[in-house]
Amino acid sequence: MPRNDTDRSDPKGLIRESYRIEGIEEPECRSIFLDWAIGVPVGEDSAEHVRQLLDRYAAGHPDHPMTKVLTEALAETPRSGRRGGARGRRSGGGAGS
């Protein structure tokens, strides 16, 4: 079986197989996605791999829970306004200031 760029984005076929599992739900997709994410080689752009996977699967499976998980993976994480630990305590906010 020839390999292509999509195989580079999903070398173990985890994402591909998740789309084939009948009745799979979002919690299982999240678990599969985390397994996939751990396997992305250091230094590679995981967001680019996610975009490639969405390009391959989302149009044919718009309501699939893995499509939702992949889409959420590209969403920016909201930043907290507070820093934790010693830096947060030294910045003047909180009890002990």
PDB file of N, CA and C in Angstrom:
ATOM      1  N   MET A   1       0.850  -1.184   0.000  1.00  0.00           N
ATOM      2  CA  MET A   1       0.000   0.000   0.000  1.00  0.00           C
ATOM      3  C   MET A   1       0.891   1.241   0.000  1.00  0.00           C
ATOM      4  N   PRO A   2       0.769   2.137  -0.996  1.00  0.00           N
ATOM      5  CA  PRO A   2       1.627   3.313  -1.047  1.00  0.00           C
ATOM      6  C   PRO A   2       1.281   4.304   0.053  1.00  0.00           C
ATOM      7  N   ARG A   3       2.299   4.990   0.522  1.00  0.00           N
ATOM      8  CA  ARG A   3       2.108   5.995   1.566  1.00  0.00           C
ATOM      9  C   ARG A   3       1.994   7.365   0.917  1.00  0.00           C
ATOM     10  N   ASN A   4       1.228   8.268   1.559  1.00  0.00           N
ATOM     11  CA  ASN A   4       1.108   9.629   1.058  1.00  0.00           C
ATOM     12  C   ASN A   4       1.163  10.598   2.218  1.00  0.00           C
ATOM     13  N   ASP A   5       0.948  11.900   1.964  1.00  0.00           N
ATOM     14  CA  ASP A   5       1.025  12.903   3.017  1.00  0.00           C
ATOM     15  C   ASP A   5       0.013  12.654   4.121  1.00  0.00           C
ATOM     16  N   THR A   6      -1.150  12.130   3.786  1.00  0.00           N
ATOM     17  CA  THR A   6      -2.162  11.863   4.794  1.00  0.00           C
ATOM     18  C   THR A   6      -1.659  10.783   5.743  1.00  0.00           C
ATOM     19  N   ASP A   7      -0.937   9.788   5.229  1.00  0.00           N
ATOM     20  CA  ASP A   7      -0.364   8.767   6.094  1.00  0.00           C
ATOM     21  C   ASP A   7       0.627   9.390   7.080  1.00  0.00           C
ATOM     22  N   ARG A   8       1.323  10.427   6.659  1.00  0.00           N
ATOM     23  CA  ARG A   8       2.248  11.118   7.560  1.00  0.00           C
ATOM     24  C   ARG A   8       1.473  11.786   8.690  1.00  0.00           C
ATOM     25  N   SER A   9       0.253  12.206   8.419  1.00  0.00           N
ATOM     26  CA  SER A   9      -0.563  12.849   9.443  1.00  0.00           C
ATOM     27  C   SER A   9      -1.226  11.837  10.366  1.00  0.00           C
ATOM     28  N   ASP A  10      -1.331  10.605   9.930  1.00  0.00           N
ATOM     29  CA  ASP A  10      -1.986   9.563  10.720  1.00  0.00           C
ATOM     30  C   ASP A  10      -1.284   8.229  10.467  1.00  0.00           C
ATOM     31  N   PRO A  11       0.006   8.148  10.832  1.00  0.00           N
ATOM     32  CA  PRO A  11       0.791   6.967  10.459  1.00  0.00           C
ATOM     33  C   PRO A  11       0.282   5.654  11.044  1.00  0.00           C
ATOM     34  N   LYS A  12      -0.359   5.688  12.201  1.00  0.00           N
ATOM     35  CA  LYS A  12      -0.887   4.455  12.803  1.00  0.00           C
ATOM     36  C   LYS A  12      -2.339   4.211  12.411  1.00  0.00           C
ATOM     37  N   GLY A  13      -2.941   5.147  11.687  1.00  0.00           N
ATOM     38  CA  GLY A  13      -4.321   4.990  11.251  1.00  0.00           C
ATOM     39  C   GLY A  13      -5.348   5.178  12.357  1.00  0.00           C
ATOM     40  N   LEU A  14      -4.952   5.810  13.452  1.00  0.00           N
ATOM     41  CA  LEU A  14      -5.869   5.978  14.580  1.00  0.00           C
ATOM     42  C   LEU A  14      -7.088   6.822  14.214  1.00  0.00           C
ATOM     43  N   ILE A  15      -6.843   7.932  13.548  1.00  0.00           N
ATOM     44  CA  ILE A  15      -7.941   8.827  13.182  1.00  0.00           C
ATOM     45  C   ILE A  15      -8.810   8.149  12.119  1.00  0.00           C
ATOM     46  N   ARG A  16      -8.180   7.563  11.125  1.00  0.00           N
ATOM     47  CA  ARG A  16      -8.916   6.863  10.062  1.00  0.00           C
ATOM     48  C   ARG A  16      -9.848   5.812  10.657  1.00  0.00           C
ATOM     49  N   GLU A  17      -9.318   5.017  11.574  1.00  0.00           N
ATOM     50  CA  GLU A  17     -10.121   3.952  12.175  1.00  0.00           C
ATOM     51  C   GLU A  17     -11.250   4.505  13.033  1.00  0.00           C
ATOM     52  N   SER A  18     -11.038   5.645  13.672  1.00  0.00           N
ATOM     53  CA  SER A  18     -12.109   6.212  14.504  1.00  0.00           C
ATOM     54  C   SER A  18     -13.332   6.545  13.661  1.00  0.00           C
ATOM     55  N   TYR A  19     -13.087   6.967  12.409  1.00  0.00           N
ATOM     56  CA  TYR A  19     -14.204   7.271  11.514  1.00  0.00           C
ATOM     57  C   TYR A  19     -14.927   6.004  11.056  1.00  0.00           C
ATOM     58  N   ARG A  20     -14.302   4.866  11.195  1.00  0.00           N
ATOM     59  CA  ARG A  20     -14.912   3.597  10.769  1.00  0.00           C
ATOM     60  C   ARG A  20     -15.666   2.885  11.889  1.00  0.00           C
ATOM     61  N   ILE A  21     -15.498   3.334  13.125  1.00  0.00           N
ATOM     62  CA  ILE A  21     -16.135   2.665  14.257  1.00  0.00           C
ATOM     63  C   ILE A  21     -17.574   3.143  14.376  1.00  0.00           C
ATOM     64  N   GLU A  22     -18.481   2.234  14.144  1.00  0.00           N
ATOM     65  CA  GLU A  22     -19.901   2.563  14.210  1.00  0.00           C
ATOM     66  C   GLU A  22     -20.305   2.847  15.654  1.00  0.00           C
ATOM     67  N   GLY A  23     -21.007   3.935  15.861  1.00  0.00           N
ATOM     68  CA  GLY A  23     -21.516   4.279  17.184  1.00  0.00           C
ATOM     69  C   GLY A  23     -20.494   4.894  18.132  1.00  0.00           C
ATOM     70  N   ILE A  24     -19.306   5.228  17.634  1.00  0.00           N
ATOM     71  CA  ILE A  24     -18.295   5.836  18.497  1.00  0.00           C
ATOM     72  C   ILE A  24     -18.816   7.178  19.010  1.00  0.00           C
ATOM     73  N   GLU A  25     -18.447   7.512  20.226  1.00  0.00           N
ATOM     74  CA  GLU A  25     -18.896   8.758  20.831  1.00  0.00           C
ATOM     75  C   GLU A  25     -17.711   9.666  21.127  1.00  0.00           C
ATOM     76  N   GLU A  26     -18.018  10.906  21.484  1.00  0.00           N
ATOM     77  CA  GLU A  26     -16.983  11.913  21.681  1.00  0.00           C
ATOM     78  C   GLU A  26     -15.916  11.532  22.712  1.00  0.00           C
ATOM     79  N   PRO A  27     -16.266  10.974  23.864  1.00  0.00           N
ATOM     80  CA  PRO A  27     -15.202  10.612  24.814  1.00  0.00           C
ATOM     81  C   PRO A  27     -14.180   9.631  24.219  1.00  0.00           C
ATOM     82  N   GLU A  28     -14.656   8.666  23.452  1.00  0.00           N
ATOM     83  CA  GLU A  28     -13.730   7.729  22.803  1.00  0.00           C
ATOM     84  C   GLU A  28     -12.872   8.453  21.767  1.00  0.00           C
ATOM     85  N   CYS A  29     -13.476   9.381  21.044  1.00  0.00           N
ATOM     86  CA  CYS A  29     -12.719  10.140  20.047  1.00  0.00           C
ATOM     87  C   CYS A  29     -11.648  10.996  20.709  1.00  0.00           C
ATOM     88  N   ARG A  30     -11.969  11.576  21.849  1.00  0.00           N
ATOM     89  CA  ARG A  30     -10.972  12.378  22.574  1.00  0.00           C
ATOM     90  C   ARG A  30      -9.791  11.503  23.003  1.00  0.00           C
ATOM     91  N   SER A  31     -10.088  10.316  23.479  1.00  0.00           N
ATOM     92  CA  SER A  31      -9.038   9.397  23.897  1.00  0.00           C
ATOM     93  C   SER A  31      -8.157   8.997  22.709  1.00  0.00           C
ATOM     94  N   ILE A  32      -8.788   8.678  21.595  1.00  0.00           N
ATOM     95  CA  ILE A  32      -8.049   8.322  20.380  1.00  0.00           C
ATOM     96  C   ILE A  32      -7.208   9.503  19.924  1.00  0.00           C
ATOM     97  N   PHE A  33      -7.781  10.712  19.974  1.00  0.00           N
ATOM     98  CA  PHE A  33      -7.039  11.905  19.562  1.00  0.00           C
ATOM     99  C   PHE A  33      -5.810  12.108  20.448  1.00  0.00           C
ATOM    100  N   LEU A  34      -5.949  11.925  21.750  1.00  0.00           N
ATOM    101  CA  LEU A  34      -4.791  12.090  22.642  1.00  0.00           C
ATOM    102  C   LEU A  34      -3.708  11.071  22.319  1.00  0.00           C
ATOM    103  N   ASP A  35      -4.097   9.827  22.041  1.00  0.00           N
ATOM    104  CA  ASP A  35      -3.114   8.821  21.616  1.00  0.00           C
ATOM    105  C   ASP A  35      -2.415   9.262  20.338  1.00  0.00           C
ATOM    106  N   TRP A  36      -3.202   9.800  19.402  1.00  0.00           N
ATOM    107  CA  TRP A  36      -2.629  10.293  18.149  1.00  0.00           C
ATOM    108  C   TRP A  36      -1.656  11.444  18.421  1.00  0.00           C
ATOM    109  N   ALA A  37      -2.080  12.407  19.256  1.00  0.00           N
ATOM    110  CA  ALA A  37      -1.270  13.601  19.524  1.00  0.00           C
ATOM    111  C   ALA A  37       0.066  13.255  20.172  1.00  0.00           C
ATOM    112  N   ILE A  38       0.055  12.264  21.048  1.00  0.00           N
ATOM    113  CA  ILE A  38       1.300  11.830  21.692  1.00  0.00           C
ATOM    114  C   ILE A  38       2.285  11.302  20.653  1.00  0.00           C
ATOM    115  N   GLY A  39       1.771  10.752  19.571  1.00  0.00           N
ATOM    116  CA  GLY A  39       2.621  10.182  18.538  1.00  0.00           C
ATOM    117  C   GLY A  39       3.158  11.167  17.511  1.00  0.00           C
ATOM    118  N   VAL A  40       2.727  12.436  17.576  1.00  0.00           N
ATOM    119  CA  VAL A  40       3.241  13.427  16.622  1.00  0.00           C
ATOM    120  C   VAL A  40       4.702  13.691  16.969  1.00  0.00           C
ATOM    121  N   PRO A  41       5.605  13.502  16.019  1.00  0.00           N
ATOM    122  CA  PRO A  41       7.032  13.705  16.308  1.00  0.00           C
ATOM    123  C   PRO A  41       7.337  15.129  16.777  1.00  0.00           C
ATOM    124  N   VAL A  42       8.249  15.225  17.725  1.00  0.00           N
ATOM    125  CA  VAL A  42       8.680  16.522  18.244  1.00  0.00           C
ATOM    126  C   VAL A  42       9.193  17.362  17.077  1.00  0.00           C
ATOM    127  N   GLY A  43       8.803  18.604  17.063  1.00  0.00           N
ATOM    128  CA  GLY A  43       9.247  19.516  16.015  1.00  0.00           C
ATOM    129  C   GLY A  43       8.295  19.609  14.838  1.00  0.00           C
ATOM    130  N   GLU A  44       7.350  18.687  14.744  1.00  0.00           N
ATOM    131  CA  GLU A  44       6.370  18.759  13.661  1.00  0.00           C
ATOM    132  C   GLU A  44       5.172  19.580  14.111  1.00  0.00           C
ATOM    133  N   ASP A  45       4.537  20.235  13.157  1.00  0.00           N
ATOM    134  CA  ASP A  45       3.389  21.097  13.428  1.00  0.00           C
ATOM    135  C   ASP A  45       2.124  20.249  13.529  1.00  0.00           C
ATOM    136  N   SER A  46       1.705  19.968  14.759  1.00  0.00           N
ATOM    137  CA  SER A  46       0.530  19.121  14.942  1.00  0.00           C
ATOM    138  C   SER A  46      -0.721  19.776  14.371  1.00  0.00           C
ATOM    139  N   ALA A  47      -0.807  21.113  14.428  1.00  0.00           N
ATOM    140  CA  ALA A  47      -1.978  21.804  13.869  1.00  0.00           C
ATOM    141  C   ALA A  47      -2.075  21.572  12.363  1.00  0.00           C
ATOM    142  N   GLU A  48      -0.950  21.542  11.687  1.00  0.00           N
ATOM    143  CA  GLU A  48      -0.971  21.276  10.242  1.00  0.00           C
ATOM    144  C   GLU A  48      -1.451  19.855   9.968  1.00  0.00           C
ATOM    145  N   HIS A  49      -1.035  18.919  10.785  1.00  0.00           N
ATOM    146  CA  HIS A  49      -1.513  17.538  10.633  1.00  0.00           C
ATOM    147  C   HIS A  49      -3.025  17.474  10.865  1.00  0.00           C
ATOM    148  N   VAL A  50      -3.511  18.195  11.872  1.00  0.00           N
ATOM    149  CA  VAL A  50      -4.951  18.209  12.149  1.00  0.00           C
ATOM    150  C   VAL A  50      -5.699  18.806  10.958  1.00  0.00           C
ATOM    151  N   ARG A  51      -5.174  19.890  10.383  1.00  0.00           N
ATOM    152  CA  ARG A  51      -5.825  20.485   9.203  1.00  0.00           C
ATOM    153  C   ARG A  51      -5.890  19.486   8.052  1.00  0.00           C
ATOM    154  N   GLN A  52      -4.827  18.739   7.848  1.00  0.00           N
ATOM    155  CA  GLN A  52      -4.824  17.730   6.777  1.00  0.00           C
ATOM    156  C   GLN A  52      -5.853  16.646   7.039  1.00  0.00           C
ATOM    157  N   LEU A  53      -5.977  16.236   8.285  1.00  0.00           N
ATOM    158  CA  LEU A  53      -6.965  15.218   8.635  1.00  0.00           C
ATOM    159  C   LEU A  53      -8.381  15.743   8.439  1.00  0.00           C
ATOM    160  N   LEU A  54      -8.613  16.994   8.822  1.00  0.00           N
ATOM    161  CA  LEU A  54      -9.932  17.587   8.599  1.00  0.00           C
ATOM    162  C   LEU A  54     -10.233  17.696   7.108  1.00  0.00           C
ATOM    163  N   ASP A  55      -9.234  18.097   6.321  1.00  0.00           N
ATOM    164  CA  ASP A  55      -9.429  18.179   4.867  1.00  0.00           C
ATOM    165  C   ASP A  55      -9.840  16.817   4.303  1.00  0.00           C
ATOM    166  N   ARG A  56      -9.271  15.775   4.866  1.00  0.00           N
ATOM    167  CA  ARG A  56      -9.557  14.432   4.346  1.00  0.00           C
ATOM    168  C   ARG A  56     -10.912  13.899   4.807  1.00  0.00           C
ATOM    169  N   TYR A  57     -11.301  14.148   6.059  1.00  0.00           N
ATOM    170  CA  TYR A  57     -12.468  13.476   6.622  1.00  0.00           C
ATOM    171  C   TYR A  57     -13.693  14.348   6.891  1.00  0.00           C
ATOM    172  N   ALA A  58     -13.527  15.622   7.183  1.00  0.00           N
ATOM    173  CA  ALA A  58     -14.639  16.445   7.682  1.00  0.00           C
ATOM    174  C   ALA A  58     -15.795  16.572   6.698  1.00  0.00           C
ATOM    175  N   ALA A  59     -15.506  16.781   5.428  1.00  0.00           N
ATOM    176  CA  ALA A  59     -16.588  16.978   4.452  1.00  0.00           C
ATOM    177  C   ALA A  59     -17.494  15.750   4.362  1.00  0.00           C
ATOM    178  N   GLY A  60     -16.928  14.582   4.433  1.00  0.00           N
ATOM    179  CA  GLY A  60     -17.714  13.359   4.343  1.00  0.00           C
ATOM    180  C   GLY A  60     -18.350  12.943   5.656  1.00  0.00           C
ATOM    181  N   HIS A  61     -17.902  13.560   6.752  1.00  0.00           N
ATOM    182  CA  HIS A  61     -18.388  13.182   8.086  1.00  0.00           C
ATOM    183  C   HIS A  61     -18.570  14.432   8.956  1.00  0.00           C
ATOM    184  N   PRO A  62     -19.399  15.385   8.514  1.00  0.00           N
ATOM    185  CA  PRO A  62     -19.497  16.653   9.250  1.00  0.00           C
ATOM    186  C   PRO A  62     -20.038  16.517  10.671  1.00  0.00           C
ATOM    187  N   ASP A  63     -20.851  15.496  10.938  1.00  0.00           N
ATOM    188  CA  ASP A  63     -21.453  15.335  12.258  1.00  0.00           C
ATOM    189  C   ASP A  63     -20.764  14.273  13.117  1.00  0.00           C
ATOM    190  N   HIS A  64     -19.645  13.766  12.643  1.00  0.00           N
ATOM    191  CA  HIS A  64     -18.924  12.730  13.381  1.00  0.00           C
ATOM    192  C   HIS A  64     -18.240  13.354  14.599  1.00  0.00           C
ATOM    193  N   PRO A  65     -18.231  12.652  15.730  1.00  0.00           N
ATOM    194  CA  PRO A  65     -17.584  13.223  16.911  1.00  0.00           C
ATOM    195  C   PRO A  65     -16.084  13.470  16.729  1.00  0.00           C
ATOM    196  N   MET A  66     -15.407  12.696  15.881  1.00  0.00           N
ATOM    197  CA  MET A  66     -13.976  12.956  15.662  1.00  0.00           C
ATOM    198  C   MET A  66     -13.785  14.266  14.906  1.00  0.00           C
ATOM    199  N   THR A  67     -14.709  14.597  14.011  1.00  0.00           N
ATOM    200  CA  THR A  67     -14.629  15.884  13.317  1.00  0.00           C
ATOM    201  C   THR A  67     -14.712  17.012  14.336  1.00  0.00           C
ATOM    202  N   LYS A  68     -15.596  16.868  15.308  1.00  0.00           N
ATOM    203  CA  LYS A  68     -15.725  17.881  16.360  1.00  0.00           C
ATOM    204  C   LYS A  68     -14.432  17.985  17.166  1.00  0.00           C
ATOM    205  N   VAL A  69     -13.860  16.851  17.546  1.00  0.00           N
ATOM    206  CA  VAL A  69     -12.628  16.835  18.337  1.00  0.00           C
ATOM    207  C   VAL A  69     -11.489  17.484  17.558  1.00  0.00           C
ATOM    208  N   LEU A  70     -11.353  17.149  16.275  1.00  0.00           N
ATOM    209  CA  LEU A  70     -10.288  17.740  15.466  1.00  0.00           C
ATOM    210  C   LEU A  70     -10.486  19.245  15.303  1.00  0.00           C
ATOM    211  N   THR A  71     -11.727  19.666  15.101  1.00  0.00           N
ATOM    212  CA  THR A  71     -12.020  21.089  14.953  1.00  0.00           C
ATOM    213  C   THR A  71     -11.686  21.832  16.242  1.00  0.00           C
ATOM    214  N   GLU A  72     -12.058  21.266  17.369  1.00  0.00           N
ATOM    215  CA  GLU A  72     -11.750  21.885  18.659  1.00  0.00           C
ATOM    216  C   GLU A  72     -10.248  21.949  18.906  1.00  0.00           C
ATOM    217  N   ALA A  73      -9.510  20.988  18.379  1.00  0.00           N
ATOM    218  CA  ALA A  73      -8.057  20.977  18.562  1.00  0.00           C
ATOM    219  C   ALA A  73      -7.400  22.180  17.900  1.00  0.00           C
ATOM    220  N   LEU A  74      -8.038  22.721  16.860  1.00  0.00           N
ATOM    221  CA  LEU A  74      -7.488  23.891  16.176  1.00  0.00           C
ATOM    222  C   LEU A  74      -7.901  25.209  16.821  1.00  0.00           C
ATOM    223  N   ALA A  75      -8.921  25.161  17.675  1.00  0.00           N
ATOM    224  CA  ALA A  75      -9.388  26.385  18.330  1.00  0.00           C
ATOM    225  C   ALA A  75      -8.323  26.873  19.299  1.00  0.00           C
ATOM    226  N   GLU A  76      -8.166  28.174  19.390  1.00  0.00           N
ATOM    227  CA  GLU A  76      -7.177  28.723  20.310  1.00  0.00           C
ATOM    228  C   GLU A  76      -7.617  28.500  21.738  1.00  0.00           C
ATOM    229  N   THR A  77      -6.683  28.146  22.568  1.00  0.00           N
ATOM    230  CA  THR A  77      -6.965  27.953  23.980  1.00  0.00           C
ATOM    231  C   THR A  77      -7.062  29.321  24.646  1.00  0.00           C
ATOM    232  N   PRO A  78      -8.127  29.569  25.409  1.00  0.00           N
ATOM    233  CA  PRO A  78      -8.225  30.863  26.085  1.00  0.00           C
ATOM    234  C   PRO A  78      -7.118  31.010  27.122  1.00  0.00           C
ATOM    235  N   ARG A  79      -6.559  32.201  27.190  1.00  0.00           N
ATOM    236  CA  ARG A  79      -5.485  32.452  28.153  1.00  0.00           C
ATOM    237  C   ARG A  79      -6.069  32.947  29.462  1.00  0.00           C
ATOM    238  N   SER A  80      -5.510  32.470  30.530  1.00  0.00           N
ATOM    239  CA  SER A  80      -5.945  32.885  31.849  1.00  0.00           C
ATOM    240  C   SER A  80      -5.304  34.222  32.181  1.00  0.00           C
ATOM    241  N   GLY A  81      -6.013  35.061  32.878  1.00  0.00           N
ATOM    242  CA  GLY A  81      -5.466  36.353  33.264  1.00  0.00           C
ATOM    243  C   GLY A  81      -4.598  36.254  34.503  1.00  0.00           C
ATOM    244  N   ARG A  82      -4.589  35.119  35.158  1.00  0.00           N
ATOM    245  CA  ARG A  82      -3.843  34.965  36.395  1.00  0.00           C
ATOM    246  C   ARG A  82      -2.707  33.975  36.198  1.00  0.00           C
ATOM    247  N   ARG A  83      -1.587  34.279  36.780  1.00  0.00           N
ATOM    248  CA  ARG A  83      -0.463  33.353  36.774  1.00  0.00           C
ATOM    249  C   ARG A  83      -0.444  32.628  38.097  1.00  0.00           C
ATOM    250  N   GLY A  84      -0.197  31.373  38.064  1.00  0.00           N
ATOM    251  CA  GLY A  84      -0.174  30.597  39.298  1.00  0.00           C
ATOM    252  C   GLY A  84       1.206  30.549  39.914  1.00  0.00           C
ATOM    253  N   GLY A  85       1.325  29.898  41.032  1.00  0.00           N
ATOM    254  CA  GLY A  85       2.614  29.686  41.676  1.00  0.00           C
ATOM    255  C   GLY A  85       3.216  30.955  42.244  1.00  0.00           C
ATOM    256  N   ALA A  86       4.533  30.946  42.440  1.00  0.00           N
ATOM    257  CA  ALA A  86       5.234  32.069  43.060  1.00  0.00           C
ATOM    258  C   ALA A  86       5.111  33.344  42.237  1.00  0.00           C
ATOM    259  N   ARG A  87       5.129  33.241  40.920  1.00  0.00           N
ATOM    260  CA  ARG A  87       5.010  34.437  40.085  1.00  0.00           C
ATOM    261  C   ARG A  87       3.671  35.139  40.320  1.00  0.00           C
ATOM    262  N   GLY A  88       2.620  34.366  40.463  1.00  0.00           N
ATOM    263  CA  GLY A  88       1.308  34.940  40.714  1.00  0.00           C
ATOM    264  C   GLY A  88       1.265  35.645  42.051  1.00  0.00           C
ATOM    265  N   ARG A  89       1.917  35.084  43.052  1.00  0.00           N
ATOM    266  CA  ARG A  89       1.924  35.698  44.387  1.00  0.00           C
ATOM    267  C   ARG A  89       2.766  36.955  44.408  1.00  0.00           C
ATOM    268  N   ARG A  90       3.861  36.985  43.649  1.00  0.00           N
ATOM    269  CA  ARG A  90       4.728  38.164  43.629  1.00  0.00           C
ATOM    270  C   ARG A  90       4.140  39.319  42.842  1.00  0.00           C
ATOM    271  N   SER A  91       3.161  39.063  41.981  1.00  0.00           N
ATOM    272  CA  SER A  91       2.635  40.131  41.133  1.00  0.00           C
ATOM    273  C   SER A  91       1.697  41.074  41.862  1.00  0.00           C
ATOM    274  N   GLY A  92       1.443  40.839  43.127  1.00  0.00           N
ATOM    275  CA  GLY A  92       0.655  41.777  43.904  1.00  0.00           C
ATOM    276  C   GLY A  92      -0.809  41.386  44.027  1.00  0.00           C
ATOM    277  N   GLY A  93      -1.232  40.310  43.411  1.00  0.00           N
ATOM    278  CA  GLY A  93      -2.638  39.908  43.518  1.00  0.00           C
ATOM    279  C   GLY A  93      -2.795  38.818  44.546  1.00  0.00           C
ATOM    280  N   GLY A  94      -3.756  38.922  45.378  1.00  0.00           N
ATOM    281  CA  GLY A  94      -4.054  37.823  46.284  1.00  0.00           C
ATOM    282  C   GLY A  94      -3.819  38.183  47.736  1.00  0.00           C
ATOM    283  N   ALA A  95      -4.081  37.229  48.626  1.00  0.00           N
ATOM    284  CA  ALA A  95      -4.001  37.457  50.073  1.00  0.00           C
ATOM    285  C   ALA A  95      -2.552  37.600  50.520  1.00  0.00           C
ATOM    286  N   GLY A  96      -1.869  37.955  51.068  1.00  0.00           N
ATOM    287  CA  GLY A  96      -0.497  38.073  51.488  1.00  0.00           C
ATOM    288  C   GLY A  96       0.216  39.254  50.876  1.00  0.00           C
ATOM    289  N   SER A  97      -0.447  40.062  50.018  1.00  0.00           N
ATOM    290  CA  SER A  97       0.237  41.191  49.384  1.00  0.00           C
ATOM    291  C   SER A  97       0.238  42.366  50.291  1.00  0.00           C
TER     292      SER A  97
END
